[in-house]
Amino acid sequence: MMKKEYAQHEMDYIKIYQDKGYTSNFHFKNNKLINSETKNGYFPQDILIVAEHRYEGMSDPSDMSILFIIETSKGEKGTFLMAYGPNASLEISEFFNKIPKMNVSDEENINLNDSLP
């Protein structure tokens, strides 16, 4: 399957996924992902990663990030942007490493799914 490139920057992807219903924003606090609007908190086992996109800074290759497209056990759908590489938060990295492998897929990845616009 040919890989499509829909967007070049994190914000481009966030907008595309928001249009597909991934409208919640999450932040990390007290070893949980928190929905910024509903304030629901989630542990790693409560998170499904349905796509992820990695970025490297244009002017600074050490400026790296991962955009996670997630669904929660309560049906909330949204995004979480995480730094990785030298700027990564160890706590956040450990959280995402604890998400069960069976909860990680690329089923909603807009670069891989030909049925998406």
N, C-alpha and C. Protein backbone atom coordinates (compact mmCIF):
# COMPACT_ATOMS: atom_id res chain seq x y z
N MET A 1 0.85 -1.18 0.00
CA MET A 1 0.00 0.00 0.00
C MET A 1 0.89 1.23 0.00
N MET A 2 0.56 2.19 -0.83
CA MET A 2 1.35 3.42 -0.87
C MET A 2 1.00 4.31 0.30
N LYS A 3 2.00 4.91 0.85
CA LYS A 3 1.80 5.82 1.97
C LYS A 3 1.40 7.19 1.44
N LYS A 4 0.31 7.72 1.99
CA LYS A 4 -0.12 9.07 1.62
C LYS A 4 0.49 10.06 2.60
N GLU A 5 0.73 11.26 2.14
CA GLU A 5 1.20 12.32 3.03
C GLU A 5 0.20 13.46 2.97
N TYR A 6 -0.69 13.53 3.96
CA TYR A 6 -1.73 14.54 3.97
C TYR A 6 -1.29 15.85 4.58
N ALA A 7 -0.34 15.78 5.49
CA ALA A 7 0.02 16.99 6.23
C ALA A 7 1.50 16.96 6.56
N GLN A 8 2.05 18.13 6.78
CA GLN A 8 3.47 18.24 7.07
C GLN A 8 3.75 18.59 8.53
N HIS A 9 2.80 19.15 9.22
CA HIS A 9 3.02 19.63 10.58
C HIS A 9 1.96 19.07 11.51
N GLU A 10 2.29 19.03 12.80
CA GLU A 10 1.37 18.50 13.79
C GLU A 10 -0.01 19.15 13.72
N MET A 11 -0.04 20.47 13.61
CA MET A 11 -1.32 21.17 13.61
C MET A 11 -2.18 20.80 12.40
N ASP A 12 -1.55 20.51 11.26
CA ASP A 12 -2.30 20.04 10.09
C ASP A 12 -3.00 18.72 10.40
N TYR A 13 -2.28 17.79 11.02
CA TYR A 13 -2.86 16.51 11.36
C TYR A 13 -3.94 16.66 12.43
N ILE A 14 -3.68 17.48 13.43
CA ILE A 14 -4.69 17.68 14.48
C ILE A 14 -5.99 18.16 13.87
N LYS A 15 -5.93 19.10 12.95
CA LYS A 15 -7.13 19.62 12.29
C LYS A 15 -7.86 18.51 11.51
N ILE A 16 -7.12 17.70 10.77
CA ILE A 16 -7.73 16.61 10.01
C ILE A 16 -8.43 15.63 10.95
N TYR A 17 -7.77 15.27 12.03
CA TYR A 17 -8.39 14.33 12.97
C TYR A 17 -9.56 14.97 13.72
N GLN A 18 -9.47 16.25 14.02
CA GLN A 18 -10.61 16.93 14.65
C GLN A 18 -11.84 16.85 13.74
N ASP A 19 -11.63 17.04 12.44
CA ASP A 19 -12.73 16.94 11.48
C ASP A 19 -13.31 15.54 11.43
N LYS A 20 -12.54 14.53 11.85
CA LYS A 20 -13.00 13.14 11.88
C LYS A 20 -13.58 12.76 13.25
N GLY A 21 -13.70 13.73 14.15
CA GLY A 21 -14.32 13.46 15.44
C GLY A 21 -13.37 13.31 16.61
N TYR A 22 -12.08 13.46 16.39
CA TYR A 22 -11.09 13.35 17.48
C TYR A 22 -10.87 14.75 18.06
N THR A 23 -11.86 15.22 18.81
CA THR A 23 -11.90 16.62 19.22
C THR A 23 -11.39 16.86 20.64
N SER A 24 -11.25 15.82 21.43
CA SER A 24 -10.79 16.02 22.81
C SER A 24 -9.29 16.28 22.83
N ASN A 25 -8.89 17.15 23.74
CA ASN A 25 -7.47 17.39 23.99
C ASN A 25 -7.14 16.78 25.34
N PHE A 26 -6.00 16.14 25.41
CA PHE A 26 -5.59 15.48 26.64
C PHE A 26 -4.27 16.08 27.12
N HIS A 27 -4.10 16.08 28.44
CA HIS A 27 -2.83 16.46 29.03
C HIS A 27 -2.46 15.42 30.08
N PHE A 28 -1.21 15.42 30.48
CA PHE A 28 -0.70 14.43 31.41
C PHE A 28 -0.53 15.05 32.78
N LYS A 29 -1.11 14.39 33.79
CA LYS A 29 -1.00 14.90 35.17
C LYS A 29 -1.19 13.73 36.13
N ASN A 30 -0.35 13.66 37.15
CA ASN A 30 -0.46 12.62 38.19
C ASN A 30 -0.54 11.21 37.61
N ASN A 31 0.32 10.93 36.62
CA ASN A 31 0.39 9.61 36.00
C ASN A 31 -0.89 9.18 35.29
N LYS A 32 -1.65 10.15 34.81
CA LYS A 32 -2.87 9.86 34.03
C LYS A 32 -2.96 10.83 32.87
N LEU A 33 -3.65 10.39 31.82
CA LEU A 33 -4.05 11.32 30.76
C LEU A 33 -5.38 11.89 31.17
N ILE A 34 -5.49 13.20 31.12
CA ILE A 34 -6.71 13.90 31.55
C ILE A 34 -7.34 14.58 30.34
N ASN A 35 -8.64 14.36 30.16
CA ASN A 35 -9.36 15.08 29.12
C ASN A 35 -9.52 16.52 29.61
N SER A 36 -9.01 17.46 28.85
CA SER A 36 -9.01 18.86 29.28
C SER A 36 -10.41 19.42 29.50
N GLU A 37 -11.40 18.89 28.79
CA GLU A 37 -12.77 19.40 28.93
C GLU A 37 -13.58 18.66 29.99
N THR A 38 -13.62 17.32 29.91
CA THR A 38 -14.45 16.55 30.84
C THR A 38 -13.76 16.29 32.17
N LYS A 39 -12.43 16.45 32.20
CA LYS A 39 -11.59 16.18 33.37
C LYS A 39 -11.53 14.70 33.72
N ASN A 40 -12.03 13.80 32.84
CA ASN A 40 -11.89 12.37 33.06
C ASN A 40 -10.42 12.00 32.98
N GLY A 41 -9.98 11.12 33.89
CA GLY A 41 -8.60 10.68 33.91
C GLY A 41 -8.48 9.23 33.46
N TYR A 42 -7.39 8.91 32.77
CA TYR A 42 -7.21 7.58 32.20
C TYR A 42 -5.83 7.03 32.50
N PHE A 43 -5.81 5.73 32.85
CA PHE A 43 -4.58 4.98 33.04
C PHE A 43 -4.21 4.33 31.70
N PRO A 44 -2.98 3.81 31.57
CA PRO A 44 -2.57 3.23 30.28
C PRO A 44 -3.54 2.18 29.73
N GLN A 45 -4.08 1.33 30.58
CA GLN A 45 -4.98 0.28 30.10
C GLN A 45 -6.32 0.83 29.59
N ASP A 46 -6.61 2.11 29.86
CA ASP A 46 -7.86 2.75 29.43
C ASP A 46 -7.72 3.46 28.08
N ILE A 47 -6.53 3.41 27.50
CA ILE A 47 -6.22 4.17 26.28
C ILE A 47 -6.05 3.24 25.10
N LEU A 48 -6.67 3.60 23.98
CA LEU A 48 -6.44 2.94 22.70
C LEU A 48 -5.75 3.95 21.79
N ILE A 49 -4.61 3.59 21.26
CA ILE A 49 -3.93 4.43 20.28
C ILE A 49 -4.34 3.89 18.91
N VAL A 50 -5.03 4.72 18.12
CA VAL A 50 -5.52 4.26 16.81
C VAL A 50 -4.69 4.81 15.66
N ALA A 51 -3.76 5.69 15.96
CA ALA A 51 -2.80 6.19 14.95
C ALA A 51 -1.75 7.00 15.69
N GLU A 52 -0.58 7.10 15.07
CA GLU A 52 0.44 7.99 15.60
C GLU A 52 1.27 8.52 14.44
N HIS A 53 1.75 9.73 14.63
CA HIS A 53 2.56 10.39 13.61
C HIS A 53 3.78 11.00 14.30
N ARG A 54 4.95 10.75 13.73
CA ARG A 54 6.21 11.26 14.29
C ARG A 54 6.71 12.41 13.44
N TYR A 55 7.28 13.38 14.11
CA TYR A 55 7.78 14.59 13.45
C TYR A 55 9.19 14.90 13.90
N GLU A 56 9.96 15.46 12.99
CA GLU A 56 11.30 15.96 13.30
C GLU A 56 11.33 17.42 12.88
N GLY A 57 11.86 18.28 13.73
CA GLY A 57 11.88 19.71 13.45
C GLY A 57 12.64 20.04 12.17
N MET A 58 12.12 20.97 11.40
CA MET A 58 12.75 21.36 10.14
C MET A 58 14.09 22.07 10.40
N SER A 59 14.11 22.96 11.37
CA SER A 59 15.34 23.71 11.63
C SER A 59 16.22 23.05 12.69
N ASP A 60 15.63 22.20 13.52
CA ASP A 60 16.37 21.55 14.58
C ASP A 60 15.94 20.08 14.65
N PRO A 61 16.72 19.16 14.08
CA PRO A 61 16.34 17.75 14.07
C PRO A 61 16.12 17.14 15.45
N SER A 62 16.66 17.77 16.50
CA SER A 62 16.43 17.23 17.84
C SER A 62 15.06 17.64 18.39
N ASP A 63 14.36 18.51 17.68
CA ASP A 63 13.01 18.92 18.07
C ASP A 63 12.03 17.89 17.49
N MET A 64 11.77 16.83 18.26
CA MET A 64 10.97 15.72 17.77
C MET A 64 9.71 15.57 18.61
N SER A 65 8.64 15.13 17.94
CA SER A 65 7.38 14.92 18.65
C SER A 65 6.61 13.76 18.03
N ILE A 66 5.67 13.25 18.81
CA ILE A 66 4.74 12.21 18.36
C ILE A 66 3.33 12.71 18.63
N LEU A 67 2.49 12.64 17.62
CA LEU A 67 1.07 12.95 17.79
C LEU A 67 0.34 11.62 17.90
N PHE A 68 -0.28 11.40 19.06
CA PHE A 68 -1.08 10.20 19.27
C PHE A 68 -2.54 10.53 19.02
N ILE A 69 -3.21 9.66 18.27
CA ILE A 69 -4.65 9.75 18.05
C ILE A 69 -5.23 8.66 18.94
N ILE A 70 -6.06 9.08 19.92
CA ILE A 70 -6.48 8.12 20.94
C ILE A 70 -7.99 8.07 21.10
N GLU A 71 -8.41 6.92 21.59
CA GLU A 71 -9.78 6.70 22.05
C GLU A 71 -9.66 6.16 23.46
N THR A 72 -10.63 6.49 24.29
CA THR A 72 -10.57 6.06 25.69
C THR A 72 -11.63 5.01 25.98
N SER A 73 -11.52 4.40 27.14
CA SER A 73 -12.49 3.39 27.57
C SER A 73 -13.88 3.99 27.76
N LYS A 74 -13.98 5.31 27.87
CA LYS A 74 -15.28 5.98 28.00
C LYS A 74 -15.75 6.55 26.67
N GLY A 75 -15.07 6.21 25.57
CA GLY A 75 -15.50 6.63 24.25
C GLY A 75 -15.05 8.02 23.84
N GLU A 76 -14.20 8.65 24.63
CA GLU A 76 -13.70 9.96 24.26
C GLU A 76 -12.60 9.79 23.21
N LYS A 77 -12.64 10.65 22.19
CA LYS A 77 -11.68 10.56 21.09
C LYS A 77 -10.95 11.88 20.96
N GLY A 78 -9.62 11.81 20.85
CA GLY A 78 -8.86 13.05 20.75
C GLY A 78 -7.40 12.81 20.44
N THR A 79 -6.60 13.83 20.74
CA THR A 79 -5.19 13.82 20.40
C THR A 79 -4.33 14.15 21.62
N PHE A 80 -3.08 13.69 21.55
CA PHE A 80 -2.09 14.03 22.56
C PHE A 80 -0.76 14.19 21.84
N LEU A 81 -0.12 15.33 22.02
CA LEU A 81 1.16 15.61 21.39
C LEU A 81 2.26 15.49 22.44
N MET A 82 3.25 14.64 22.14
CA MET A 82 4.32 14.35 23.10
C MET A 82 5.68 14.57 22.45
N ALA A 83 6.56 15.22 23.17
CA ALA A 83 7.95 15.34 22.72
C ALA A 83 8.63 13.99 22.90
N TYR A 84 9.55 13.69 22.00
CA TYR A 84 10.38 12.51 22.21
C TYR A 84 11.81 12.84 21.83
N GLY A 85 12.70 11.90 22.10
CA GLY A 85 14.11 12.19 21.88
C GLY A 85 14.66 12.94 23.08
N PRO A 86 15.62 13.85 22.86
CA PRO A 86 16.27 14.53 23.97
C PRO A 86 15.34 15.40 24.82
N ASN A 87 14.22 15.84 24.24
CA ASN A 87 13.29 16.71 24.98
C ASN A 87 12.14 15.96 25.64
N ALA A 88 12.16 14.64 25.59
CA ALA A 88 11.04 13.84 26.09
C ALA A 88 10.93 13.88 27.60
N SER A 89 9.70 13.82 28.07
CA SER A 89 9.43 13.67 29.50
C SER A 89 9.48 12.17 29.81
N LEU A 90 10.31 11.78 30.76
CA LEU A 90 10.42 10.38 31.13
C LEU A 90 9.09 9.84 31.65
N GLU A 91 8.39 10.61 32.46
CA GLU A 91 7.10 10.18 33.01
C GLU A 91 6.09 9.90 31.91
N ILE A 92 5.99 10.80 30.94
CA ILE A 92 5.02 10.62 29.85
C ILE A 92 5.43 9.44 28.98
N SER A 93 6.72 9.32 28.68
CA SER A 93 7.20 8.19 27.88
C SER A 93 6.88 6.87 28.56
N GLU A 94 7.11 6.79 29.86
CA GLU A 94 6.80 5.57 30.61
C GLU A 94 5.31 5.26 30.57
N PHE A 95 4.47 6.29 30.69
CA PHE A 95 3.02 6.09 30.60
C PHE A 95 2.66 5.44 29.27
N PHE A 96 3.14 6.01 28.17
CA PHE A 96 2.78 5.48 26.85
C PHE A 96 3.39 4.10 26.62
N ASN A 97 4.53 3.80 27.22
CA ASN A 97 5.12 2.47 27.10
C ASN A 97 4.30 1.43 27.86
N LYS A 98 3.51 1.84 28.83
CA LYS A 98 2.67 0.92 29.60
C LYS A 98 1.33 0.63 28.94
N ILE A 99 0.99 1.33 27.87
CA ILE A 99 -0.25 1.04 27.16
C ILE A 99 -0.11 -0.36 26.55
N PRO A 100 -1.05 -1.25 26.85
CA PRO A 100 -0.94 -2.62 26.34
C PRO A 100 -0.80 -2.65 24.81
N LYS A 101 0.08 -3.51 24.32
CA LYS A 101 0.34 -3.61 22.87
C LYS A 101 -0.96 -3.89 22.10
N MET A 102 -1.88 -4.64 22.71
CA MET A 102 -3.15 -4.94 22.03
C MET A 102 -4.03 -3.69 21.90
N ASN A 103 -3.68 -2.62 22.60
CA ASN A 103 -4.43 -1.36 22.51
C ASN A 103 -3.82 -0.38 21.52
N VAL A 104 -2.86 -0.85 20.72
CA VAL A 104 -2.17 0.03 19.78
C VAL A 104 -2.38 -0.50 18.36
N SER A 105 -2.89 0.39 17.48
CA SER A 105 -3.07 0.01 16.08
C SER A 105 -2.88 1.25 15.21
N ASP A 106 -2.98 1.04 13.93
CA ASP A 106 -2.94 2.15 12.97
C ASP A 106 -4.25 2.23 12.20
N GLU A 107 -5.33 1.71 12.78
CA GLU A 107 -6.58 1.59 12.04
C GLU A 107 -7.17 2.91 11.58
N GLU A 108 -6.85 4.01 12.25
CA GLU A 108 -7.37 5.31 11.85
C GLU A 108 -6.31 6.19 11.20
N ASN A 109 -5.14 5.64 10.90
CA ASN A 109 -4.05 6.44 10.34
C ASN A 109 -4.43 6.94 8.95
N ILE A 110 -4.53 8.24 8.81
CA ILE A 110 -4.97 8.84 7.54
C ILE A 110 -3.96 8.63 6.42
N ASN A 111 -2.72 8.32 6.76
CA ASN A 111 -1.71 8.08 5.73
C ASN A 111 -1.78 6.66 5.18
N LEU A 112 -2.46 5.76 5.88
CA LEU A 112 -2.50 4.36 5.49
C LEU A 112 -3.86 3.90 5.03
N ASN A 113 -4.91 4.60 5.39
CA ASN A 113 -6.27 4.16 5.14
C ASN A 113 -6.80 4.80 3.87
N ASP A 114 -6.93 4.00 2.80
CA ASP A 114 -7.38 4.52 1.50
C ASP A 114 -8.84 4.95 1.49
N SER A 115 -9.64 4.52 2.47
CA SER A 115 -11.06 4.88 2.44
C SER A 115 -11.32 6.26 3.01
N LEU A 116 -10.30 6.90 3.55
CA LEU A 116 -10.48 8.23 4.11
C LEU A 116 -10.29 9.29 3.03
N PRO A 117 -10.88 10.45 3.22
CA PRO A 117 -10.77 11.50 2.20
C PRO A 117 -9.34 11.96 1.99
